[in-house]
Amino acid sequence: MDDQTRIELEAAAFRRLQQHLMQDRTDVQNIDMMNLAGFCRNCLSRWYQEAANEKGIEMGKDEARELFYGMTMAEWKANYQTDASPKQQAAFETAFKENVSDKP
């Protein structure tokens, strides 16, 4: 497989993952994803931002989130986010430390 085809397939898979998370499974909470998988929608938007920044494209966290979510974070929270239980919050503290806080 040539590099261009590989890149196109990877991009298509990313777009499908984004659709799955943003349209098909809005019921899945970020905190649950983070606790189970070590990443969530916010991580994906941060990775998008980091990739843009590495290419010299200035993009902040809010802009990246809005591009990934297709709406502002406030809109997402109002439409889809539920309150996290104390158990979910405690698990998140651990997951965040293990997967995000020590990363560049």
N, C-alpha and C. Protein backbone atom coordinates (compact mmCIF):
# COMPACT_ATOMS: atom_id res chain seq x y z
N MET A 1 0.85 -1.18 0.00
CA MET A 1 0.00 0.00 0.00
C MET A 1 0.90 1.24 0.00
N ASP A 2 0.60 2.18 -0.85
CA ASP A 2 1.40 3.40 -0.90
C ASP A 2 1.01 4.34 0.25
N ASP A 3 1.89 5.29 0.57
CA ASP A 3 1.67 6.19 1.71
C ASP A 3 0.40 7.02 1.58
N GLN A 4 0.11 7.51 0.38
CA GLN A 4 -1.08 8.35 0.20
C GLN A 4 -2.35 7.56 0.47
N THR A 5 -2.40 6.34 0.00
CA THR A 5 -3.58 5.49 0.26
C THR A 5 -3.71 5.21 1.75
N ARG A 6 -2.60 4.91 2.41
CA ARG A 6 -2.62 4.67 3.85
C ARG A 6 -3.14 5.89 4.60
N ILE A 7 -2.67 7.06 4.23
CA ILE A 7 -3.12 8.31 4.87
C ILE A 7 -4.62 8.51 4.65
N GLU A 8 -5.08 8.26 3.45
CA GLU A 8 -6.51 8.42 3.15
C GLU A 8 -7.36 7.44 3.94
N LEU A 9 -6.88 6.20 4.09
CA LEU A 9 -7.62 5.21 4.87
C LEU A 9 -7.62 5.57 6.35
N GLU A 10 -6.49 6.04 6.86
CA GLU A 10 -6.43 6.46 8.26
C GLU A 10 -7.38 7.64 8.50
N ALA A 11 -7.41 8.58 7.58
CA ALA A 11 -8.30 9.73 7.71
C ALA A 11 -9.76 9.29 7.67
N ALA A 12 -10.08 8.35 6.80
CA ALA A 12 -11.46 7.84 6.72
C ALA A 12 -11.84 7.14 8.02
N ALA A 13 -10.92 6.36 8.59
CA ALA A 13 -11.21 5.68 9.85
C ALA A 13 -11.40 6.70 10.98
N PHE A 14 -10.60 7.76 11.00
CA PHE A 14 -10.76 8.81 12.00
C PHE A 14 -12.12 9.49 11.85
N ARG A 15 -12.49 9.81 10.62
CA ARG A 15 -13.79 10.46 10.40
C ARG A 15 -14.94 9.57 10.85
N ARG A 16 -14.81 8.27 10.63
CA ARG A 16 -15.85 7.34 11.06
C ARG A 16 -15.91 7.23 12.58
N LEU A 17 -14.75 7.23 13.23
CA LEU A 17 -14.72 7.25 14.70
C LEU A 17 -15.37 8.52 15.23
N GLN A 18 -15.05 9.63 14.61
CA GLN A 18 -15.65 10.91 15.02
C GLN A 18 -17.17 10.85 14.86
N GLN A 19 -17.65 10.34 13.74
CA GLN A 19 -19.10 10.23 13.52
C GLN A 19 -19.72 9.32 14.58
N HIS A 20 -19.07 8.22 14.85
CA HIS A 20 -19.59 7.26 15.83
C HIS A 20 -19.75 7.93 17.20
N LEU A 21 -18.73 8.69 17.61
CA LEU A 21 -18.76 9.31 18.93
C LEU A 21 -19.65 10.54 18.99
N MET A 22 -19.76 11.27 17.88
CA MET A 22 -20.46 12.54 17.91
C MET A 22 -21.91 12.44 17.44
N GLN A 23 -22.25 11.40 16.71
CA GLN A 23 -23.62 11.26 16.20
C GLN A 23 -24.28 9.96 16.64
N ASP A 24 -23.56 8.85 16.51
CA ASP A 24 -24.17 7.55 16.78
C ASP A 24 -24.26 7.23 18.26
N ARG A 25 -23.27 7.64 19.06
CA ARG A 25 -23.22 7.26 20.47
C ARG A 25 -23.01 8.46 21.38
N THR A 26 -23.88 9.44 21.23
CA THR A 26 -23.80 10.62 22.11
C THR A 26 -24.14 10.25 23.55
N ASP A 27 -24.73 9.07 23.75
CA ASP A 27 -25.07 8.63 25.10
C ASP A 27 -23.84 8.20 25.90
N VAL A 28 -22.77 7.86 25.23
CA VAL A 28 -21.55 7.44 25.92
C VAL A 28 -20.86 8.69 26.47
N GLN A 29 -20.64 8.70 27.76
CA GLN A 29 -20.07 9.86 28.42
C GLN A 29 -18.55 9.85 28.31
N ASN A 30 -17.96 11.04 28.20
CA ASN A 30 -16.51 11.17 28.14
C ASN A 30 -15.85 10.53 29.35
N ILE A 31 -16.42 10.73 30.52
CA ILE A 31 -15.81 10.20 31.73
C ILE A 31 -15.75 8.67 31.69
N ASP A 32 -16.77 8.04 31.13
CA ASP A 32 -16.75 6.58 31.01
C ASP A 32 -15.69 6.12 30.02
N MET A 33 -15.57 6.84 28.90
CA MET A 33 -14.54 6.51 27.92
C MET A 33 -13.15 6.64 28.55
N MET A 34 -12.95 7.73 29.28
CA MET A 34 -11.65 7.97 29.91
C MET A 34 -11.34 6.89 30.93
N ASN A 35 -12.34 6.55 31.73
CA ASN A 35 -12.13 5.55 32.78
C ASN A 35 -11.86 4.16 32.21
N LEU A 36 -12.48 3.83 31.09
CA LEU A 36 -12.32 2.51 30.50
C LEU A 36 -11.17 2.42 29.50
N ALA A 37 -11.02 3.45 28.68
CA ALA A 37 -10.07 3.37 27.57
C ALA A 37 -8.85 4.28 27.71
N GLY A 38 -8.92 5.22 28.64
CA GLY A 38 -7.79 6.13 28.82
C GLY A 38 -7.78 7.29 27.84
N PHE A 39 -8.86 7.48 27.10
CA PHE A 39 -9.00 8.64 26.23
C PHE A 39 -10.49 8.92 26.05
N CYS A 40 -10.79 10.14 25.59
CA CYS A 40 -12.18 10.53 25.36
C CYS A 40 -12.24 11.50 24.18
N ARG A 41 -13.39 12.07 23.97
CA ARG A 41 -13.55 13.03 22.87
C ARG A 41 -12.61 14.22 23.04
N ASN A 42 -12.43 14.66 24.27
CA ASN A 42 -11.53 15.79 24.50
C ASN A 42 -10.10 15.44 24.14
N CYS A 43 -9.69 14.21 24.42
CA CYS A 43 -8.35 13.77 24.03
C CYS A 43 -8.21 13.79 22.51
N LEU A 44 -9.21 13.29 21.82
CA LEU A 44 -9.17 13.29 20.35
C LEU A 44 -9.07 14.71 19.81
N SER A 45 -9.82 15.63 20.40
CA SER A 45 -9.74 17.01 19.93
C SER A 45 -8.37 17.61 20.27
N ARG A 46 -7.78 17.22 21.42
CA ARG A 46 -6.45 17.71 21.77
C ARG A 46 -5.41 17.16 20.81
N TRP A 47 -5.53 15.89 20.45
CA TRP A 47 -4.58 15.30 19.49
C TRP A 47 -4.70 15.98 18.13
N TYR A 48 -5.91 16.35 17.75
CA TYR A 48 -6.15 17.10 16.51
C TYR A 48 -5.43 18.45 16.59
N GLN A 49 -5.60 19.13 17.72
CA GLN A 49 -4.95 20.42 17.94
C GLN A 49 -3.43 20.28 17.89
N GLU A 50 -2.90 19.28 18.57
CA GLU A 50 -1.46 19.07 18.58
C GLU A 50 -0.92 18.80 17.17
N ALA A 51 -1.64 18.02 16.39
CA ALA A 51 -1.22 17.74 15.01
C ALA A 51 -1.22 19.03 14.19
N ALA A 52 -2.24 19.85 14.38
CA ALA A 52 -2.31 21.13 13.66
C ALA A 52 -1.13 22.02 14.06
N ASN A 53 -0.89 22.11 15.36
CA ASN A 53 0.20 22.95 15.85
C ASN A 53 1.55 22.47 15.32
N GLU A 54 1.74 21.14 15.24
CA GLU A 54 2.99 20.59 14.69
C GLU A 54 3.18 20.98 13.23
N LYS A 55 2.08 21.20 12.51
CA LYS A 55 2.14 21.62 11.11
C LYS A 55 2.22 23.14 10.97
N GLY A 56 2.32 23.85 12.10
CA GLY A 56 2.41 25.30 12.07
C GLY A 56 1.06 25.99 11.98
N ILE A 57 -0.01 25.25 12.20
CA ILE A 57 -1.36 25.82 12.19
C ILE A 57 -1.72 26.19 13.62
N GLU A 58 -1.96 27.47 13.84
CA GLU A 58 -2.34 27.91 15.19
C GLU A 58 -3.77 27.49 15.47
N MET A 59 -3.93 26.73 16.55
CA MET A 59 -5.25 26.26 16.94
C MET A 59 -5.25 26.09 18.45
N GLY A 60 -6.21 26.70 19.09
CA GLY A 60 -6.34 26.57 20.53
C GLY A 60 -7.26 25.42 20.91
N LYS A 61 -7.32 25.14 22.21
CA LYS A 61 -8.13 24.04 22.72
C LYS A 61 -9.60 24.21 22.37
N ASP A 62 -10.14 25.38 22.58
CA ASP A 62 -11.57 25.61 22.30
C ASP A 62 -11.89 25.44 20.83
N GLU A 63 -11.02 25.96 19.96
CA GLU A 63 -11.23 25.82 18.52
C GLU A 63 -11.18 24.36 18.09
N ALA A 64 -10.21 23.62 18.62
CA ALA A 64 -10.09 22.20 18.29
C ALA A 64 -11.31 21.43 18.75
N ARG A 65 -11.77 21.72 19.96
CA ARG A 65 -12.96 21.03 20.46
C ARG A 65 -14.17 21.34 19.60
N GLU A 66 -14.34 22.59 19.22
CA GLU A 66 -15.49 22.95 18.40
C GLU A 66 -15.42 22.27 17.03
N LEU A 67 -14.23 22.17 16.46
CA LEU A 67 -14.08 21.47 15.18
C LEU A 67 -14.40 19.99 15.33
N PHE A 68 -13.92 19.38 16.41
CA PHE A 68 -14.16 17.95 16.60
C PHE A 68 -15.62 17.67 16.98
N TYR A 69 -16.15 18.44 17.90
CA TYR A 69 -17.51 18.23 18.39
C TYR A 69 -18.58 18.70 17.41
N GLY A 70 -18.22 19.65 16.55
CA GLY A 70 -19.22 20.22 15.65
C GLY A 70 -20.11 21.23 16.34
N MET A 71 -19.72 21.63 17.52
CA MET A 71 -20.47 22.61 18.32
C MET A 71 -19.53 23.04 19.45
N THR A 72 -19.96 24.05 20.17
CA THR A 72 -19.14 24.49 21.30
C THR A 72 -19.22 23.45 22.42
N MET A 73 -18.26 23.50 23.30
CA MET A 73 -18.27 22.58 24.44
C MET A 73 -19.50 22.83 25.31
N ALA A 74 -19.88 24.07 25.45
CA ALA A 74 -21.08 24.40 26.24
C ALA A 74 -22.33 23.77 25.64
N GLU A 75 -22.42 23.80 24.31
CA GLU A 75 -23.57 23.18 23.64
C GLU A 75 -23.56 21.66 23.84
N TRP A 76 -22.40 21.04 23.72
CA TRP A 76 -22.29 19.60 23.91
C TRP A 76 -22.74 19.22 25.33
N LYS A 77 -22.20 19.94 26.30
CA LYS A 77 -22.55 19.64 27.69
C LYS A 77 -24.04 19.79 27.94
N ALA A 78 -24.63 20.85 27.41
CA ALA A 78 -26.06 21.09 27.61
C ALA A 78 -26.91 20.01 26.95
N ASN A 79 -26.48 19.51 25.82
CA ASN A 79 -27.26 18.53 25.06
C ASN A 79 -27.02 17.08 25.47
N TYR A 80 -25.79 16.74 25.89
CA TYR A 80 -25.45 15.33 26.02
C TYR A 80 -24.79 14.91 27.33
N GLN A 81 -24.16 15.81 28.03
CA GLN A 81 -23.40 15.41 29.21
C GLN A 81 -24.29 15.27 30.43
N THR A 82 -24.07 14.20 31.17
CA THR A 82 -24.80 13.97 32.41
C THR A 82 -23.84 14.15 33.59
N ASP A 83 -24.38 14.29 34.78
CA ASP A 83 -23.56 14.43 35.97
C ASP A 83 -22.84 13.12 36.26
N ALA A 84 -21.59 13.23 36.64
CA ALA A 84 -20.78 12.06 36.99
C ALA A 84 -20.99 11.71 38.45
N SER A 85 -21.03 10.43 38.71
CA SER A 85 -21.17 9.95 40.09
C SER A 85 -19.84 10.11 40.82
N PRO A 86 -19.85 10.09 42.14
CA PRO A 86 -18.58 10.13 42.89
C PRO A 86 -17.63 8.99 42.49
N LYS A 87 -18.18 7.81 42.22
CA LYS A 87 -17.35 6.67 41.80
C LYS A 87 -16.69 6.96 40.45
N GLN A 88 -17.45 7.52 39.50
CA GLN A 88 -16.89 7.87 38.19
C GLN A 88 -15.81 8.93 38.34
N GLN A 89 -16.05 9.92 39.19
CA GLN A 89 -15.08 10.99 39.40
C GLN A 89 -13.78 10.47 40.00
N ALA A 90 -13.89 9.54 40.96
CA ALA A 90 -12.70 8.95 41.58
C ALA A 90 -11.91 8.16 40.55
N ALA A 91 -12.59 7.37 39.73
CA ALA A 91 -11.92 6.60 38.69
C ALA A 91 -11.26 7.52 37.67
N PHE A 92 -11.92 8.64 37.38
CA PHE A 92 -11.38 9.61 36.43
C PHE A 92 -10.06 10.19 36.93
N GLU A 93 -9.98 10.48 38.22
CA GLU A 93 -8.73 11.03 38.78
C GLU A 93 -7.56 10.11 38.44
N THR A 94 -7.76 8.83 38.64
CA THR A 94 -6.71 7.85 38.34
C THR A 94 -6.44 7.78 36.85
N ALA A 95 -7.49 7.67 36.05
CA ALA A 95 -7.33 7.57 34.59
C ALA A 95 -6.63 8.80 34.03
N PHE A 96 -6.98 9.97 34.52
CA PHE A 96 -6.37 11.20 34.03
C PHE A 96 -4.88 11.22 34.36
N LYS A 97 -4.55 10.86 35.59
CA LYS A 97 -3.13 10.84 35.98
C LYS A 97 -2.33 9.86 35.12
N GLU A 98 -2.93 8.70 34.85
CA GLU A 98 -2.24 7.67 34.09
C GLU A 98 -2.12 7.98 32.60
N ASN A 99 -3.07 8.72 32.06
CA ASN A 99 -3.15 8.87 30.60
C ASN A 99 -2.94 10.28 30.07
N VAL A 100 -3.10 11.28 30.92
CA VAL A 100 -3.05 12.64 30.40
C VAL A 100 -2.03 13.51 31.11
N SER A 101 -2.07 13.56 32.41
CA SER A 101 -1.29 14.57 33.14
C SER A 101 0.21 14.45 32.95
N ASP A 102 0.72 13.26 32.69
CA ASP A 102 2.17 13.12 32.50
C ASP A 102 2.57 13.14 31.03
N LYS A 103 1.61 13.43 30.16
CA LYS A 103 1.90 13.48 28.72
C LYS A 103 2.26 14.90 28.31
N PRO A 104 3.05 15.02 27.23
CA PRO A 104 3.43 16.38 26.76
C PRO A 104 2.26 17.18 26.28
